[in-house]
Structures are given as structure tokens and as C-alpha cells.
Amino acid sequence: MINKQQLLDPIKAAKYLGVTAGTLAVWRSTGRYTLPFVKIGRKVMYRDTDLNAFINERTKLHTHSFVNVE
């Protein structure tokens, strides 16, 4: 059985995440976030499963920011 995954180009992947394609390019070049991408020749593509995992890893219940109010 083949595990069917959809590949999205950077523009569609960026739209899916709510960022710009330029932001994805910066993340790729700096390694700021661990968002896997696929290189096919010069093309950069993103698996839909990796985008969903990226979103799920960043799902929070609270911000963890504690303010010292003295």
C-alpha cells in the first residue's frame, strides 16, 4: 500500500500556515524552525503531513509567560 501524501509548493504551503513564502525561505535557510521540506531538483516542496505535524507541535494550552507582579 502506498502512503499518499500531497506535496505543496512554497506559496501554497505558506498560505496553509498563514505566513509568506519569503518567511518559509528564511526558515529553510536559517533552520529557525524544524519544518521538513523536499527538494526535487531546484524545486522545494512541503508534505501536507509535515505541515500538519508542524502545526500540532505548536498547539498550546497557555503561553507559559509568567509576569512578576510585585
PDB file of N, CA and C in Angstrom:
ATOM      1  N   MET A   1       0.837  -1.186   0.000  1.00  0.00           N
ATOM      2  CA  MET A   1       0.000   0.000   0.000  1.00  0.00           C
ATOM      3  C   MET A   1       0.886   1.254   0.000  1.00  0.00           C
ATOM      4  N   ILE A   2       0.543   2.218  -0.783  1.00  0.00           N
ATOM      5  CA  ILE A   2       1.307   3.455  -0.893  1.00  0.00           C
ATOM      6  C   ILE A   2       0.730   4.490   0.065  1.00  0.00           C
ATOM      7  N   ASN A   3       1.634   5.119   0.836  1.00  0.00           N
ATOM      8  CA  ASN A   3       1.229   6.194   1.739  1.00  0.00           C
ATOM      9  C   ASN A   3       1.134   7.467   0.913  1.00  0.00           C
ATOM     10  N   LYS A   4      -0.076   7.863   0.565  1.00  0.00           N
ATOM     11  CA  LYS A   4      -0.265   9.019  -0.306  1.00  0.00           C
ATOM     12  C   LYS A   4      -0.176  10.314   0.483  1.00  0.00           C
ATOM     13  N   GLN A   5       0.775  11.145   0.087  1.00  0.00           N
ATOM     14  CA  GLN A   5       0.943  12.456   0.700  1.00  0.00           C
ATOM     15  C   GLN A   5       0.858  13.501  -0.404  1.00  0.00           C
ATOM     16  N   GLN A   6       0.304  14.616  -0.059  1.00  0.00           N
ATOM     17  CA  GLN A   6       0.218  15.704  -1.021  1.00  0.00           C
ATOM     18  C   GLN A   6       1.425  16.606  -0.844  1.00  0.00           C
ATOM     19  N   LEU A   7       2.042  16.997  -1.948  1.00  0.00           N
ATOM     20  CA  LEU A   7       3.155  17.936  -1.917  1.00  0.00           C
ATOM     21  C   LEU A   7       2.647  19.313  -2.316  1.00  0.00           C
ATOM     22  N   LEU A   8       3.021  20.311  -1.533  1.00  0.00           N
ATOM     23  CA  LEU A   8       2.613  21.682  -1.814  1.00  0.00           C
ATOM     24  C   LEU A   8       3.842  22.521  -2.118  1.00  0.00           C
ATOM     25  N   ASP A   9       3.706  23.421  -3.076  1.00  0.00           N
ATOM     26  CA  ASP A   9       4.807  24.350  -3.361  1.00  0.00           C
ATOM     27  C   ASP A   9       4.863  25.380  -2.230  1.00  0.00           C
ATOM     28  N   PRO A  10       5.949  26.153  -2.149  1.00  0.00           N
ATOM     29  CA  PRO A  10       6.092  27.098  -1.037  1.00  0.00           C
ATOM     30  C   PRO A  10       4.956  28.118  -0.920  1.00  0.00           C
ATOM     31  N   ILE A  11       4.386  28.527  -2.023  1.00  0.00           N
ATOM     32  CA  ILE A  11       3.290  29.511  -1.961  1.00  0.00           C
ATOM     33  C   ILE A  11       2.063  28.901  -1.303  1.00  0.00           C
ATOM     34  N   LYS A  12       1.709  27.678  -1.707  1.00  0.00           N
ATOM     35  CA  LYS A  12       0.544  27.012  -1.117  1.00  0.00           C
ATOM     36  C   LYS A  12       0.813  26.624   0.334  1.00  0.00           C
ATOM     37  N   ALA A  13       2.031  26.168   0.618  1.00  0.00           N
ATOM     38  CA  ALA A  13       2.391  25.795   1.990  1.00  0.00           C
ATOM     39  C   ALA A  13       2.343  27.020   2.898  1.00  0.00           C
ATOM     40  N   ALA A  14       2.846  28.142   2.413  1.00  0.00           N
ATOM     41  CA  ALA A  14       2.829  29.381   3.197  1.00  0.00           C
ATOM     42  C   ALA A  14       1.399  29.818   3.477  1.00  0.00           C
ATOM     43  N   LYS A  15       0.560  29.742   2.476  1.00  0.00           N
ATOM     44  CA  LYS A  15      -0.842  30.118   2.650  1.00  0.00           C
ATOM     45  C   LYS A  15      -1.507  29.205   3.680  1.00  0.00           C
ATOM     46  N   TYR A  16      -1.194  27.922   3.627  1.00  0.00           N
ATOM     47  CA  TYR A  16      -1.740  26.944   4.565  1.00  0.00           C
ATOM     48  C   TYR A  16      -1.359  27.299   6.003  1.00  0.00           C
ATOM     49  N   LEU A  17      -0.122  27.767   6.193  1.00  0.00           N
ATOM     50  CA  LEU A  17       0.369  28.114   7.523  1.00  0.00           C
ATOM     51  C   LEU A  17       0.041  29.541   7.941  1.00  0.00           C
ATOM     52  N   GLY A  18      -0.374  30.369   6.978  1.00  0.00           N
ATOM     53  CA  GLY A  18      -0.682  31.761   7.289  1.00  0.00           C
ATOM     54  C   GLY A  18       0.543  32.644   7.361  1.00  0.00           C
ATOM     55  N   VAL A  19       1.594  32.274   6.633  1.00  0.00           N
ATOM     56  CA  VAL A  19       2.813  33.080   6.552  1.00  0.00           C
ATOM     57  C   VAL A  19       3.098  33.348   5.079  1.00  0.00           C
ATOM     58  N   THR A  20       4.191  34.037   4.786  1.00  0.00           N
ATOM     59  CA  THR A  20       4.547  34.287   3.400  1.00  0.00           C
ATOM     60  C   THR A  20       5.547  33.239   2.916  1.00  0.00           C
ATOM     61  N   ALA A  21       5.650  33.110   1.606  1.00  0.00           N
ATOM     62  CA  ALA A  21       6.643  32.196   1.023  1.00  0.00           C
ATOM     63  C   ALA A  21       8.045  32.659   1.401  1.00  0.00           C
ATOM     64  N   GLY A  22       8.238  33.966   1.524  1.00  0.00           N
ATOM     65  CA  GLY A  22       9.529  34.504   1.960  1.00  0.00           C
ATOM     66  C   GLY A  22       9.890  34.053   3.364  1.00  0.00           C
ATOM     67  N   THR A  23       8.898  33.986   4.238  1.00  0.00           N
ATOM     68  CA  THR A  23       9.126  33.501   5.597  1.00  0.00           C
ATOM     69  C   THR A  23       9.591  32.054   5.571  1.00  0.00           C
ATOM     70  N   LEU A  24       8.955  31.230   4.745  1.00  0.00           N
ATOM     71  CA  LEU A  24       9.382  29.831   4.620  1.00  0.00           C
ATOM     72  C   LEU A  24      10.816  29.741   4.110  1.00  0.00           C
ATOM     73  N   ALA A  25      11.175  30.614   3.176  1.00  0.00           N
ATOM     74  CA  ALA A  25      12.540  30.623   2.649  1.00  0.00           C
ATOM     75  C   ALA A  25      13.542  30.963   3.750  1.00  0.00           C
ATOM     76  N   VAL A  26      13.203  31.914   4.598  1.00  0.00           N
ATOM     77  CA  VAL A  26      14.076  32.277   5.714  1.00  0.00           C
ATOM     78  C   VAL A  26      14.195  31.106   6.678  1.00  0.00           C
ATOM     79  N   TRP A  27      13.081  30.458   7.005  1.00  0.00           N
ATOM     80  CA  TRP A  27      13.120  29.311   7.909  1.00  0.00           C
ATOM     81  C   TRP A  27      13.995  28.197   7.346  1.00  0.00           C
ATOM     82  N   ARG A  28      13.903  27.967   6.023  1.00  0.00           N
ATOM     83  CA  ARG A  28      14.730  26.927   5.388  1.00  0.00           C
ATOM     84  C   ARG A  28      16.203  27.267   5.490  1.00  0.00           C
ATOM     85  N   SER A  29      16.554  28.509   5.196  1.00  0.00           N
ATOM     86  CA  SER A  29      17.973  28.881   5.134  1.00  0.00           C
ATOM     87  C   SER A  29      18.608  29.034   6.511  1.00  0.00           C
ATOM     88  N   THR A  30      17.824  29.451   7.508  1.00  0.00           N
ATOM     89  CA  THR A  30      18.390  29.667   8.835  1.00  0.00           C
ATOM     90  C   THR A  30      18.195  28.477   9.773  1.00  0.00           C
ATOM     91  N   GLY A  31      17.267  27.598   9.437  1.00  0.00           N
ATOM     92  CA  GLY A  31      16.955  26.485  10.319  1.00  0.00           C
ATOM     93  C   GLY A  31      16.221  26.928  11.564  1.00  0.00           C
ATOM     94  N   ARG A  32      15.576  28.072  11.488  1.00  0.00           N
ATOM     95  CA  ARG A  32      14.875  28.618  12.662  1.00  0.00           C
ATOM     96  C   ARG A  32      13.842  27.639  13.215  1.00  0.00           C
ATOM     97  N   TYR A  33      13.089  27.021  12.337  1.00  0.00           N
ATOM     98  CA  TYR A  33      12.114  26.010  12.739  1.00  0.00           C
ATOM     99  C   TYR A  33      12.434  24.709  12.023  1.00  0.00           C
ATOM    100  N   THR A  34      12.077  23.617  12.667  1.00  0.00           N
ATOM    101  CA  THR A  34      12.320  22.309  12.057  1.00  0.00           C
ATOM    102  C   THR A  34      11.100  21.908  11.231  1.00  0.00           C
ATOM    103  N   LEU A  35      10.964  22.545  10.090  1.00  0.00           N
ATOM    104  CA  LEU A  35       9.888  22.229   9.159  1.00  0.00           C
ATOM    105  C   LEU A  35      10.519  21.524   7.960  1.00  0.00           C
ATOM    106  N   PRO A  36      10.336  20.209   7.859  1.00  0.00           N
ATOM    107  CA  PRO A  36      10.954  19.473   6.761  1.00  0.00           C
ATOM    108  C   PRO A  36      10.431  19.939   5.400  1.00  0.00           C
ATOM    109  N   PHE A  37      11.303  19.878   4.414  1.00  0.00           N
ATOM    110  CA  PHE A  37      10.906  20.178   3.035  1.00  0.00           C
ATOM    111  C   PHE A  37      11.577  19.175   2.119  1.00  0.00           C
ATOM    112  N   VAL A  38      11.043  19.061   0.920  1.00  0.00           N
ATOM    113  CA  VAL A  38      11.524  18.103  -0.068  1.00  0.00           C
ATOM    114  C   VAL A  38      12.142  18.885  -1.223  1.00  0.00           C
ATOM    115  N   LYS A  39      13.347  18.483  -1.626  1.00  0.00           N
ATOM    116  CA  LYS A  39      13.984  19.098  -2.799  1.00  0.00           C
ATOM    117  C   LYS A  39      13.870  18.132  -3.965  1.00  0.00           C
ATOM    118  N   ILE A  40      13.293  18.600  -5.046  1.00  0.00           N
ATOM    119  CA  ILE A  40      13.205  17.830  -6.281  1.00  0.00           C
ATOM    120  C   ILE A  40      13.850  18.699  -7.347  1.00  0.00           C
ATOM    121  N   GLY A  41      15.119  18.420  -7.631  1.00  0.00           N
ATOM    122  CA  GLY A  41      15.879  19.315  -8.498  1.00  0.00           C
ATOM    123  C   GLY A  41      16.013  20.649  -7.795  1.00  0.00           C
ATOM    124  N   ARG A  42      15.592  21.714  -8.448  1.00  0.00           N
ATOM    125  CA  ARG A  42      15.605  23.043  -7.826  1.00  0.00           C
ATOM    126  C   ARG A  42      14.320  23.359  -7.081  1.00  0.00           C
ATOM    127  N   LYS A  43      13.334  22.512  -7.270  1.00  0.00           N
ATOM    128  CA  LYS A  43      12.031  22.748  -6.636  1.00  0.00           C
ATOM    129  C   LYS A  43      12.063  22.427  -5.152  1.00  0.00           C
ATOM    130  N   VAL A  44      11.362  23.237  -4.385  1.00  0.00           N
ATOM    131  CA  VAL A  44      11.158  22.996  -2.965  1.00  0.00           C
ATOM    132  C   VAL A  44       9.670  22.704  -2.783  1.00  0.00           C
ATOM    133  N   MET A  45       9.390  21.630  -2.070  1.00  0.00           N
ATOM    134  CA  MET A  45       8.009  21.233  -1.822  1.00  0.00           C
ATOM    135  C   MET A  45       7.863  20.866  -0.348  1.00  0.00           C
ATOM    136  N   TYR A  46       6.628  20.931   0.131  1.00  0.00           N
ATOM    137  CA  TYR A  46       6.319  20.584   1.512  1.00  0.00           C
ATOM    138  C   TYR A  46       5.248  19.503   1.522  1.00  0.00           C
ATOM    139  N   ARG A  47       5.457  18.473   2.351  1.00  0.00           N
ATOM    140  CA  ARG A  47       4.434  17.436   2.516  1.00  0.00           C
ATOM    141  C   ARG A  47       3.325  17.974   3.406  1.00  0.00           C
ATOM    142  N   ASP A  48       2.092  17.683   3.044  1.00  0.00           N
ATOM    143  CA  ASP A  48       0.968  18.121   3.875  1.00  0.00           C
ATOM    144  C   ASP A  48       1.051  17.514   5.273  1.00  0.00           C
ATOM    145  N   THR A  49       1.545  16.298   5.382  1.00  0.00           N
ATOM    146  CA  THR A  49       1.671  15.653   6.694  1.00  0.00           C
ATOM    147  C   THR A  49       2.694  16.383   7.563  1.00  0.00           C
ATOM    148  N   ASP A  50       3.773  16.897   6.953  1.00  0.00           N
ATOM    149  CA  ASP A  50       4.770  17.657   7.712  1.00  0.00           C
ATOM    150  C   ASP A  50       4.212  19.002   8.169  1.00  0.00           C
ATOM    151  N   LEU A  51       3.394  19.624   7.337  1.00  0.00           N
ATOM    152  CA  LEU A  51       2.770  20.898   7.722  1.00  0.00           C
ATOM    153  C   LEU A  51       1.819  20.687   8.897  1.00  0.00           C
ATOM    154  N   ASN A  52       1.039  19.613   8.841  1.00  0.00           N
ATOM    155  CA  ASN A  52       0.118  19.316   9.944  1.00  0.00           C
ATOM    156  C   ASN A  52       0.873  19.002  11.225  1.00  0.00           C
ATOM    157  N   ALA A  53       1.965  18.250  11.131  1.00  0.00           N
ATOM    158  CA  ALA A  53       2.783  17.941  12.312  1.00  0.00           C
ATOM    159  C   ALA A  53       3.377  19.215  12.897  1.00  0.00           C
ATOM    160  N   PHE A  54       3.834  20.123  12.026  1.00  0.00           N
ATOM    161  CA  PHE A  54       4.397  21.406  12.448  1.00  0.00           C
ATOM    162  C   PHE A  54       3.356  22.192  13.250  1.00  0.00           C
ATOM    163  N   ILE A  55       2.131  22.219  12.760  1.00  0.00           N
ATOM    164  CA  ILE A  55       1.046  22.924  13.451  1.00  0.00           C
ATOM    165  C   ILE A  55       0.754  22.238  14.785  1.00  0.00           C
ATOM    166  N   ASN A  56       0.659  20.918  14.775  1.00  0.00           N
ATOM    167  CA  ASN A  56       0.338  20.181  16.001  1.00  0.00           C
ATOM    168  C   ASN A  56       1.409  20.366  17.076  1.00  0.00           C
ATOM    169  N   GLU A  57       2.677  20.450  16.670  1.00  0.00           N
ATOM    170  CA  GLU A  57       3.761  20.651  17.623  1.00  0.00           C
ATOM    171  C   GLU A  57       3.681  22.015  18.301  1.00  0.00           C
ATOM    172  N   ARG A  58       3.019  22.949  17.673  1.00  0.00           N
ATOM    173  CA  ARG A  58       2.935  24.301  18.199  1.00  0.00           C
ATOM    174  C   ARG A  58       1.592  24.607  18.849  1.00  0.00           C
ATOM    175  N   THR A  59       0.768  23.608  19.027  1.00  0.00           N
ATOM    176  CA  THR A  59      -0.524  23.795  19.673  1.00  0.00           C
ATOM    177  C   THR A  59      -0.307  23.875  21.174  1.00  0.00           C
ATOM    178  N   LYS A  60      -0.735  24.956  21.769  1.00  0.00           N
ATOM    179  CA  LYS A  60      -0.501  25.228  23.192  1.00  0.00           C
ATOM    180  C   LYS A  60      -1.815  25.430  23.931  1.00  0.00           C
ATOM    181  N   LEU A  61      -1.780  25.203  25.229  1.00  0.00           N
ATOM    182  CA  LEU A  61      -2.935  25.468  26.084  1.00  0.00           C
ATOM    183  C   LEU A  61      -2.813  26.805  26.802  1.00  0.00           C
ATOM    184  N   HIS A  62      -1.574  27.263  26.982  1.00  0.00           N
ATOM    185  CA  HIS A  62      -1.325  28.586  27.563  1.00  0.00           C
ATOM    186  C   HIS A  62       0.048  29.050  27.103  1.00  0.00           C
ATOM    187  N   THR A  63       0.370  30.293  27.392  1.00  0.00           N
ATOM    188  CA  THR A  63       1.583  30.891  26.835  1.00  0.00           C
ATOM    189  C   THR A  63       2.839  30.641  27.635  1.00  0.00           C
ATOM    190  N   HIS A  64       2.733  30.166  28.842  1.00  0.00           N
ATOM    191  CA  HIS A  64       3.886  29.920  29.718  1.00  0.00           C
ATOM    192  C   HIS A  64       4.632  31.198  30.086  1.00  0.00           C
ATOM    193  N   SER A  65       4.072  32.345  29.803  1.00  0.00           N
ATOM    194  CA  SER A  65       4.766  33.572  30.200  1.00  0.00           C
ATOM    195  C   SER A  65       4.270  33.982  31.583  1.00  0.00           C
ATOM    196  N   PHE A  66       5.207  34.123  32.461  1.00  0.00           N
ATOM    197  CA  PHE A  66       4.879  34.487  33.836  1.00  0.00           C
ATOM    198  C   PHE A  66       5.357  35.914  34.076  1.00  0.00           C
ATOM    199  N   VAL A  67       4.472  36.732  34.570  1.00  0.00           N
ATOM    200  CA  VAL A  67       4.791  38.123  34.846  1.00  0.00           C
ATOM    201  C   VAL A  67       4.908  38.282  36.354  1.00  0.00           C
ATOM    202  N   ASN A  68       6.030  38.827  36.774  1.00  0.00           N
ATOM    203  CA  ASN A  68       6.236  39.072  38.192  1.00  0.00           C
ATOM    204  C   ASN A  68       5.549  40.391  38.560  1.00  0.00           C
ATOM    205  N   VAL A  69       4.473  40.306  39.296  1.00  0.00           N
ATOM    206  CA  VAL A  69       3.699  41.491  39.650  1.00  0.00           C
ATOM    207  C   VAL A  69       3.917  41.787  41.142  1.00  0.00           C
ATOM    208  N   GLU A  70       4.932  42.553  41.434  1.00  0.00           N
ATOM    209  CA  GLU A  70       5.225  42.887  42.834  1.00  0.00           C
ATOM    210  C   GLU A  70       4.996  44.343  43.093  1.00  0.00           C
TER     211      GLU A  70
END
